[in-house]
PDB file of all heavy atoms in Angstrom:
ATOM      1  N   TRP A   1      -2.149  11.433   3.679  1.00  0.00           N
ATOM      2  CA  TRP A   1      -1.539  10.581   2.654  1.00  0.00           C
ATOM      3  C   TRP A   1      -2.293   9.254   2.553  1.00  0.00           C
ATOM      4  O   TRP A   1      -2.565   8.754   1.452  1.00  0.00           O
ATOM      5  CB  TRP A   1      -0.067  10.350   3.002  1.00  0.00           C
ATOM      6  CG  TRP A   1       0.676   9.484   2.034  1.00  0.00           C
ATOM      7  CD1 TRP A   1       0.389   9.278   0.718  1.00  0.00           C
ATOM      8  CD2 TRP A   1       1.840   8.697   2.321  1.00  0.00           C
ATOM      9  NE1 TRP A   1       1.307   8.419   0.158  1.00  0.00           N
ATOM     10  CE2 TRP A   1       2.207   8.047   1.113  1.00  0.00           C
ATOM     11  CE3 TRP A   1       2.610   8.494   3.458  1.00  0.00           C
ATOM     12  CZ2 TRP A   1       3.300   7.197   1.037  1.00  0.00           C
ATOM     13  CZ3 TRP A   1       3.706   7.650   3.380  1.00  0.00           C
ATOM     14  CH2 TRP A   1       4.045   7.013   2.179  1.00  0.00           C
ATOM     15  N   GLY A   2      -2.641   8.671   3.710  1.00  0.00           N
ATOM     16  CA  GLY A   2      -3.377   7.415   3.704  1.00  0.00           C
ATOM     17  C   GLY A   2      -4.736   7.540   3.035  1.00  0.00           C
ATOM     18  O   GLY A   2      -5.161   6.651   2.290  1.00  0.00           O
ATOM     19  N   ASP A   3      -5.421   8.665   3.281  1.00  0.00           N
ATOM     20  CA  ASP A   3      -6.723   8.881   2.639  1.00  0.00           C
ATOM     21  C   ASP A   3      -6.573   9.020   1.130  1.00  0.00           C
ATOM     22  O   ASP A   3      -7.394   8.507   0.356  1.00  0.00           O
ATOM     23  CB  ASP A   3      -7.385  10.140   3.205  1.00  0.00           C
ATOM     24  CG  ASP A   3      -7.788   9.967   4.667  1.00  0.00           C
ATOM     25  OD1 ASP A   3      -7.888   8.808   5.114  1.00  0.00           O
ATOM     26  OD2 ASP A   3      -7.971  10.986   5.351  1.00  0.00           O
ATOM     27  N   SER A   4      -5.504   9.722   0.718  1.00  0.00           N
ATOM     28  CA  SER A   4      -5.258   9.867  -0.718  1.00  0.00           C
ATOM     29  C   SER A   4      -4.955   8.518  -1.366  1.00  0.00           C
ATOM     30  O   SER A   4      -5.421   8.221  -2.471  1.00  0.00           O
ATOM     31  CB  SER A   4      -4.094  10.842  -0.945  1.00  0.00           C
ATOM     32  OG  SER A   4      -3.740  10.909  -2.307  1.00  0.00           O
ATOM     33  N   TRP A   5      -4.192   7.688  -0.661  1.00  0.00           N
ATOM     34  CA  TRP A   5      -3.851   6.366  -1.192  1.00  0.00           C
ATOM     35  C   TRP A   5      -5.091   5.479  -1.269  1.00  0.00           C
ATOM     36  O   TRP A   5      -5.256   4.705  -2.222  1.00  0.00           O
ATOM     37  CB  TRP A   5      -2.790   5.722  -0.312  1.00  0.00           C
ATOM     38  CG  TRP A   5      -2.455   4.304  -0.663  1.00  0.00           C
ATOM     39  CD1 TRP A   5      -2.710   3.190   0.082  1.00  0.00           C
ATOM     40  CD2 TRP A   5      -1.796   3.845  -1.845  1.00  0.00           C
ATOM     41  NE1 TRP A   5      -2.257   2.064  -0.562  1.00  0.00           N
ATOM     42  CE2 TRP A   5      -1.685   2.430  -1.746  1.00  0.00           C
ATOM     43  CE3 TRP A   5      -1.291   4.472  -2.971  1.00  0.00           C
ATOM     44  CZ2 TRP A   5      -1.094   1.661  -2.735  1.00  0.00           C
ATOM     45  CZ3 TRP A   5      -0.693   3.702  -3.967  1.00  0.00           C
ATOM     46  CH2 TRP A   5      -0.600   2.313  -3.842  1.00  0.00           C
ATOM     47  N   SER A   6      -5.982   5.582  -0.294  1.00  0.00           N
ATOM     48  CA  SER A   6      -7.193   4.747  -0.299  1.00  0.00           C
ATOM     49  C   SER A   6      -8.120   5.099  -1.454  1.00  0.00           C
ATOM     50  O   SER A   6      -8.939   4.273  -1.871  1.00  0.00           O
ATOM     51  CB  SER A   6      -7.932   4.884   1.032  1.00  0.00           C
ATOM     52  OG  SER A   6      -8.412   6.208   1.197  1.00  0.00           O
ATOM     53  N   ARG A   7      -7.991   6.330  -1.976  1.00  0.00           N
ATOM     54  CA  ARG A   7      -8.828   6.734  -3.106  1.00  0.00           C
ATOM     55  C   ARG A   7      -8.180   6.449  -4.453  1.00  0.00           C
ATOM     56  O   ARG A   7      -8.769   6.730  -5.506  1.00  0.00           O
ATOM     57  CB  ARG A   7      -9.149   8.238  -3.003  1.00  0.00           C
ATOM     58  CG  ARG A   7     -10.032   8.606  -1.811  1.00  0.00           C
ATOM     59  CD  ARG A   7     -10.516  10.046  -1.925  1.00  0.00           C
ATOM     60  NE  ARG A   7      -9.405  10.985  -1.938  1.00  0.00           N
ATOM     61  CZ  ARG A   7      -8.906  11.565  -0.857  1.00  0.00           C
ATOM     62  NH1 ARG A   7      -9.420  11.294   0.345  1.00  0.00           N
ATOM     63  NH2 ARG A   7      -7.899  12.427  -0.930  1.00  0.00           N
ATOM     64  N   THR A   8      -6.982   5.906  -4.449  1.00  0.00           N
ATOM     65  CA  THR A   8      -6.278   5.605  -5.697  1.00  0.00           C
ATOM     66  C   THR A   8      -6.966   4.451  -6.421  1.00  0.00           C
ATOM     67  O   THR A   8      -7.322   3.432  -5.812  1.00  0.00           O
ATOM     68  CB  THR A   8      -4.814   5.227  -5.404  1.00  0.00           C
ATOM     69  OG1 THR A   8      -4.174   6.296  -4.698  1.00  0.00           O
ATOM     70  CG2 THR A   8      -4.051   4.962  -6.696  1.00  0.00           C
ATOM     71  N   VAL A   9      -7.134   4.613  -7.706  1.00  0.00           N
ATOM     72  CA  VAL A   9      -7.794   3.578  -8.518  1.00  0.00           C
ATOM     73  C   VAL A   9      -6.843   3.135  -9.626  1.00  0.00           C
ATOM     74  O   VAL A   9      -5.861   3.820  -9.940  1.00  0.00           O
ATOM     75  CB  VAL A   9      -9.114   4.106  -9.126  1.00  0.00           C
ATOM     76  CG1 VAL A   9     -10.114   4.406  -8.018  1.00  0.00           C
ATOM     77  CG2 VAL A   9      -8.871   5.344  -9.976  1.00  0.00           C
ATOM     78  N   CYS A  10      -7.152   1.978 -10.204  1.00  0.00           N
ATOM     79  CA  CYS A  10      -6.351   1.429 -11.315  1.00  0.00           C
ATOM     80  C   CYS A  10      -4.874   1.339 -10.929  1.00  0.00           C
ATOM     81  O   CYS A  10      -3.987   1.760 -11.686  1.00  0.00           O
ATOM     82  CB  CYS A  10      -6.523   2.267 -12.584  1.00  0.00           C
ATOM     83  SG  CYS A  10      -8.215   2.358 -13.174  1.00  0.00           S
ATOM     84  N   ASN A  11      -4.622   0.796  -9.748  1.00  0.00           N
ATOM     85  CA  ASN A  11      -3.252   0.660  -9.263  1.00  0.00           C
ATOM     86  C   ASN A  11      -3.081  -0.750  -8.721  1.00  0.00           C
ATOM     87  O   ASN A  11      -3.863  -1.209  -7.887  1.00  0.00           O
ATOM     88  CB  ASN A  11      -2.975   1.702  -8.169  1.00  0.00           C
ATOM     89  CG  ASN A  11      -1.528   1.667  -7.694  1.00  0.00           C
ATOM     90  OD1 ASN A  11      -1.122   0.785  -6.957  1.00  0.00           O
ATOM     91  ND2 ASN A  11      -0.756   2.666  -8.127  1.00  0.00           N
ATOM     92  N   LYS A  12      -2.062  -1.456  -9.224  1.00  0.00           N
ATOM     93  CA  LYS A  12      -1.862  -2.864  -8.853  1.00  0.00           C
ATOM     94  C   LYS A  12      -1.506  -3.022  -7.383  1.00  0.00           C
ATOM     95  O   LYS A  12      -1.983  -3.942  -6.706  1.00  0.00           O
ATOM     96  CB  LYS A  12      -0.770  -3.469  -9.743  1.00  0.00           C
ATOM     97  CG  LYS A  12      -1.114  -3.496 -11.231  1.00  0.00           C
ATOM     98  CD  LYS A  12       0.020  -4.102 -12.033  1.00  0.00           C
ATOM     99  CE  LYS A  12      -0.328  -4.181 -13.521  1.00  0.00           C
ATOM    100  NZ  LYS A  12      -0.480  -2.826 -14.117  1.00  0.00           N
ATOM    101  N   LEU A  13      -0.647  -2.151  -6.849  1.00  0.00           N
ATOM    102  CA  LEU A  13      -0.276  -2.265  -5.441  1.00  0.00           C
ATOM    103  C   LEU A  13      -1.460  -1.954  -4.536  1.00  0.00           C
ATOM    104  O   LEU A  13      -1.634  -2.592  -3.489  1.00  0.00           O
ATOM    105  CB  LEU A  13       0.896  -1.331  -5.128  1.00  0.00           C
ATOM    106  CG  LEU A  13       1.368  -1.305  -3.669  1.00  0.00           C
ATOM    107  CD1 LEU A  13       1.909  -2.674  -3.257  1.00  0.00           C
ATOM    108  CD2 LEU A  13       2.436  -0.238  -3.444  1.00  0.00           C
ATOM    109  N   ARG A  14      -2.271  -0.976  -4.915  1.00  0.00           N
ATOM    110  CA  ARG A  14      -3.419  -0.591  -4.092  1.00  0.00           C
ATOM    111  C   ARG A  14      -4.391  -1.759  -3.909  1.00  0.00           C
ATOM    112  O   ARG A  14      -5.069  -1.862  -2.878  1.00  0.00           O
ATOM    113  CB  ARG A  14      -4.138   0.592  -4.749  1.00  0.00           C
ATOM    114  CG  ARG A  14      -5.448   1.006  -4.104  1.00  0.00           C
ATOM    115  CD  ARG A  14      -5.230   1.508  -2.697  1.00  0.00           C
ATOM    116  NE  ARG A  14      -6.499   1.817  -2.061  1.00  0.00           N
ATOM    117  CZ  ARG A  14      -7.274   0.931  -1.447  1.00  0.00           C
ATOM    118  NH1 ARG A  14      -6.897  -0.340  -1.375  1.00  0.00           N
ATOM    119  NH2 ARG A  14      -8.422   1.308  -0.896  1.00  0.00           N
ATOM    120  N   ALA A  15      -4.431  -2.680  -4.872  1.00  0.00           N
ATOM    121  CA  ALA A  15      -5.340  -3.814  -4.778  1.00  0.00           C
ATOM    122  C   ALA A  15      -4.944  -4.777  -3.667  1.00  0.00           C
ATOM    123  O   ALA A  15      -5.792  -5.519  -3.160  1.00  0.00           O
ATOM    124  CB  ALA A  15      -5.390  -4.548  -6.119  1.00  0.00           C
ATOM    125  N   ILE A  16      -3.670  -4.759  -3.265  1.00  0.00           N
ATOM    126  CA  ILE A  16      -3.228  -5.697  -2.227  1.00  0.00           C
ATOM    127  C   ILE A  16      -2.769  -4.986  -0.958  1.00  0.00           C
ATOM    128  O   ILE A  16      -2.673  -5.615   0.098  1.00  0.00           O
ATOM    129  CB  ILE A  16      -2.079  -6.590  -2.754  1.00  0.00           C
ATOM    130  CG1 ILE A  16      -0.856  -5.730  -3.124  1.00  0.00           C
ATOM    131  CG2 ILE A  16      -2.522  -7.427  -3.931  1.00  0.00           C
ATOM    132  CD1 ILE A  16       0.367  -6.554  -3.471  1.00  0.00           C
ATOM    133  N   LYS A  17      -2.481  -3.689  -1.047  1.00  0.00           N
ATOM    134  CA  LYS A  17      -2.030  -2.945   0.133  1.00  0.00           C
ATOM    135  C   LYS A  17      -2.936  -1.740   0.325  1.00  0.00           C
ATOM    136  O   LYS A  17      -2.937  -0.816  -0.477  1.00  0.00           O
ATOM    137  CB  LYS A  17      -0.574  -2.487  -0.044  1.00  0.00           C
ATOM    138  CG  LYS A  17       0.013  -1.850   1.210  1.00  0.00           C
ATOM    139  CD  LYS A  17       1.474  -1.481   1.035  1.00  0.00           C
ATOM    140  CE  LYS A  17       2.042  -0.957   2.336  1.00  0.00           C
ATOM    141  NZ  LYS A  17       3.448  -0.507   2.215  1.00  0.00           N
ATOM    142  N   HIS A  18      -3.702  -1.754   1.403  1.00  0.00           N
ATOM    143  CA  HIS A  18      -4.719  -0.727   1.611  1.00  0.00           C
ATOM    144  C   HIS A  18      -4.229   0.442   2.446  1.00  0.00           C
ATOM    145  O   HIS A  18      -4.950   1.426   2.590  1.00  0.00           O
ATOM    146  CB  HIS A  18      -5.949  -1.349   2.272  1.00  0.00           C
ATOM    147  CG  HIS A  18      -6.586  -2.416   1.440  1.00  0.00           C
ATOM    148  ND1 HIS A  18      -7.474  -3.340   1.944  1.00  0.00           N
ATOM    149  CD2 HIS A  18      -6.458  -2.707   0.114  1.00  0.00           C
ATOM    150  CE1 HIS A  18      -7.861  -4.153   0.985  1.00  0.00           C
ATOM    151  NE2 HIS A  18      -7.259  -3.795  -0.139  1.00  0.00           N
ATOM    152  N   THR A  19      -3.037   0.337   3.037  1.00  0.00           N
ATOM    153  CA  THR A  19      -2.485   1.418   3.853  1.00  0.00           C
ATOM    154  C   THR A  19      -1.091   1.756   3.360  1.00  0.00           C
ATOM    155  O   THR A  19      -0.501   1.023   2.552  1.00  0.00           O
ATOM    156  CB  THR A  19      -2.411   1.024   5.336  1.00  0.00           C
ATOM    157  OG1 THR A  19      -1.406   0.006   5.514  1.00  0.00           O
ATOM    158  CG2 THR A  19      -3.754   0.490   5.830  1.00  0.00           C
ATOM    159  N   VAL A  20      -0.551   2.866   3.885  1.00  0.00           N
ATOM    160  CA  VAL A  20       0.817   3.258   3.525  1.00  0.00           C
ATOM    161  C   VAL A  20       1.804   2.874   4.624  1.00  0.00           C
ATOM    162  O   VAL A  20       2.969   3.261   4.571  1.00  0.00           O
ATOM    163  CB  VAL A  20       0.891   4.778   3.259  1.00  0.00           C
ATOM    164  CG1 VAL A  20       0.100   5.157   2.030  1.00  0.00           C
ATOM    165  CG2 VAL A  20       0.421   5.577   4.479  1.00  0.00           C
ATOM    166  N   ALA A  21       1.348   2.120   5.607  1.00  0.00           N
ATOM    167  CA  ALA A  21       2.232   1.674   6.692  1.00  0.00           C
ATOM    168  C   ALA A  21       3.239   0.670   6.139  1.00  0.00           C
ATOM    169  O   ALA A  21       2.942  -0.082   5.205  1.00  0.00           O
ATOM    170  CB  ALA A  21       1.412   1.052   7.810  1.00  0.00           C
ATOM    171  N   PRO A  22       4.442   0.620   6.711  1.00  0.00           N
ATOM    172  CA  PRO A  22       5.456  -0.329   6.209  1.00  0.00           C
ATOM    173  C   PRO A  22       5.070  -1.769   6.513  1.00  0.00           C
ATOM    174  O   PRO A  22       4.438  -2.058   7.531  1.00  0.00           O
ATOM    175  CB  PRO A  22       6.732   0.089   6.965  1.00  0.00           C
ATOM    176  CG  PRO A  22       6.236   0.788   8.193  1.00  0.00           C
ATOM    177  CD  PRO A  22       4.966   1.462   7.808  1.00  0.00           C
ATOM    178  N   TRP A  23       5.447  -2.663   5.627  1.00  0.00           N
ATOM    179  CA  TRP A  23       5.215  -4.094   5.816  1.00  0.00           C
ATOM    180  C   TRP A  23       6.502  -4.754   6.281  1.00  0.00           C
ATOM    181  O   TRP A  23       7.576  -4.541   5.697  1.00  0.00           O
ATOM    182  CB  TRP A  23       4.742  -4.730   4.502  1.00  0.00           C
ATOM    183  CG  TRP A  23       3.263  -4.628   4.313  1.00  0.00           C
ATOM    184  CD1 TRP A  23       2.365  -4.102   5.189  1.00  0.00           C
ATOM    185  CD2 TRP A  23       2.512  -5.076   3.183  1.00  0.00           C
ATOM    186  NE1 TRP A  23       1.096  -4.191   4.674  1.00  0.00           N
ATOM    187  CE2 TRP A  23       1.143  -4.786   3.449  1.00  0.00           C
ATOM    188  CE3 TRP A  23       2.840  -5.685   1.982  1.00  0.00           C
ATOM    189  CZ2 TRP A  23       0.129  -5.090   2.560  1.00  0.00           C
ATOM    190  CZ3 TRP A  23       1.824  -5.985   1.085  1.00  0.00           C
ATOM    191  CH2 TRP A  23       0.475  -5.708   1.367  1.00  0.00           C
ATOM    192  N   GLY A  24       6.391  -5.579   7.326  1.00  0.00           N
ATOM    193  CA  GLY A  24       7.573  -6.244   7.865  1.00  0.00           C
ATOM    194  C   GLY A  24       8.205  -7.219   6.894  1.00  0.00           C
ATOM    195  O   GLY A  24       9.434  -7.398   6.890  1.00  0.00           O
ATOM    196  N   THR A  25       7.408  -7.854   6.043  1.00  0.00           N
ATOM    197  CA  THR A  25       7.957  -8.842   5.115  1.00  0.00           C
ATOM    198  C   THR A  25       8.753  -8.206   3.982  1.00  0.00           C
ATOM    199  O   THR A  25       9.423  -8.912   3.231  1.00  0.00           O
ATOM    200  CB  THR A  25       6.816  -9.677   4.511  1.00  0.00           C
ATOM    201  OG1 THR A  25       5.829  -8.795   3.955  1.00  0.00           O
ATOM    202  CG2 THR A  25       6.169 -10.556   5.558  1.00  0.00           C
ATOM    203  N   ALA A  26       8.696  -6.875   3.852  1.00  0.00           N
ATOM    204  CA  ALA A  26       9.477  -6.214   2.801  1.00  0.00           C
ATOM    205  C   ALA A  26      10.972  -6.271   3.101  1.00  0.00           C
ATOM    206  O   ALA A  26      11.794  -6.140   2.195  1.00  0.00           O
ATOM    207  CB  ALA A  26       9.032  -4.758   2.651  1.00  0.00           C
ATOM    208  N   ILE A  27      11.329  -6.464   4.367  1.00  0.00           N
ATOM    209  CA  ILE A  27      12.737  -6.558   4.768  1.00  0.00           C
ATOM    210  C   ILE A  27      13.133  -8.023   4.715  1.00  0.00           C
ATOM    211  O   ILE A  27      12.620  -8.850   5.470  1.00  0.00           O
ATOM    212  CB  ILE A  27      12.949  -5.999   6.187  1.00  0.00           C
ATOM    213  CG1 ILE A  27      12.337  -4.599   6.301  1.00  0.00           C
ATOM    214  CG2 ILE A  27      14.426  -5.981   6.529  1.00  0.00           C
ATOM    215  CD1 ILE A  27      12.918  -3.591   5.350  1.00  0.00           C
ATOM    216  N   ARG A  28      14.058  -8.364   3.819  1.00  0.00           N
ATOM    217  CA  ARG A  28      14.498  -9.743   3.637  1.00  0.00           C
ATOM    218  C   ARG A  28      15.988  -9.857   3.942  1.00  0.00           C
ATOM    219  O   ARG A  28      16.729  -8.861   3.919  1.00  0.00           O
ATOM    220  CB  ARG A  28      14.259 -10.218   2.196  1.00  0.00           C
ATOM    221  CG  ARG A  28      12.924  -9.842   1.571  1.00  0.00           C
ATOM    222  CD  ARG A  28      11.752 -10.435   2.288  1.00  0.00           C
ATOM    223  NE  ARG A  28      11.817 -11.891   2.353  1.00  0.00           N
ATOM    224  CZ  ARG A  28      10.975 -12.630   3.087  1.00  0.00           C
ATOM    225  NH1 ARG A  28      10.055 -12.025   3.828  1.00  0.00           N
ATOM    226  NH2 ARG A  28      11.072 -13.936   3.088  1.00  0.00           N
ATOM    227  N   GLU A  29      16.422 -11.057   4.235  1.00  0.00           N
ATOM    228  CA  GLU A  29      17.841 -11.288   4.474  1.00  0.00           C
ATOM    229  C   GLU A  29      18.643 -11.250   3.182  1.00  0.00           C
ATOM    230  O   GLU A  29      19.858 -11.051   3.200  1.00  0.00           O
ATOM    231  CB  GLU A  29      18.045 -12.633   5.173  1.00  0.00           C
ATOM    232  CG  GLU A  29      17.457 -12.687   6.579  1.00  0.00           C
ATOM    233  CD  GLU A  29      17.726 -14.013   7.253  1.00  0.00           C
ATOM    234  OE1 GLU A  29      18.349 -14.890   6.602  1.00  0.00           O
ATOM    235  OE2 GLU A  29      17.321 -14.185   8.411  1.00  0.00           O
TER     236      GLU A  29
END
């Protein structure tokens, strides 16, 4: 899945997130 995501083009999220691992800052109070 990570390799497939790294090959994704023309994607706004892909420009700032290079992996599919969860980000800790996504969890907010």
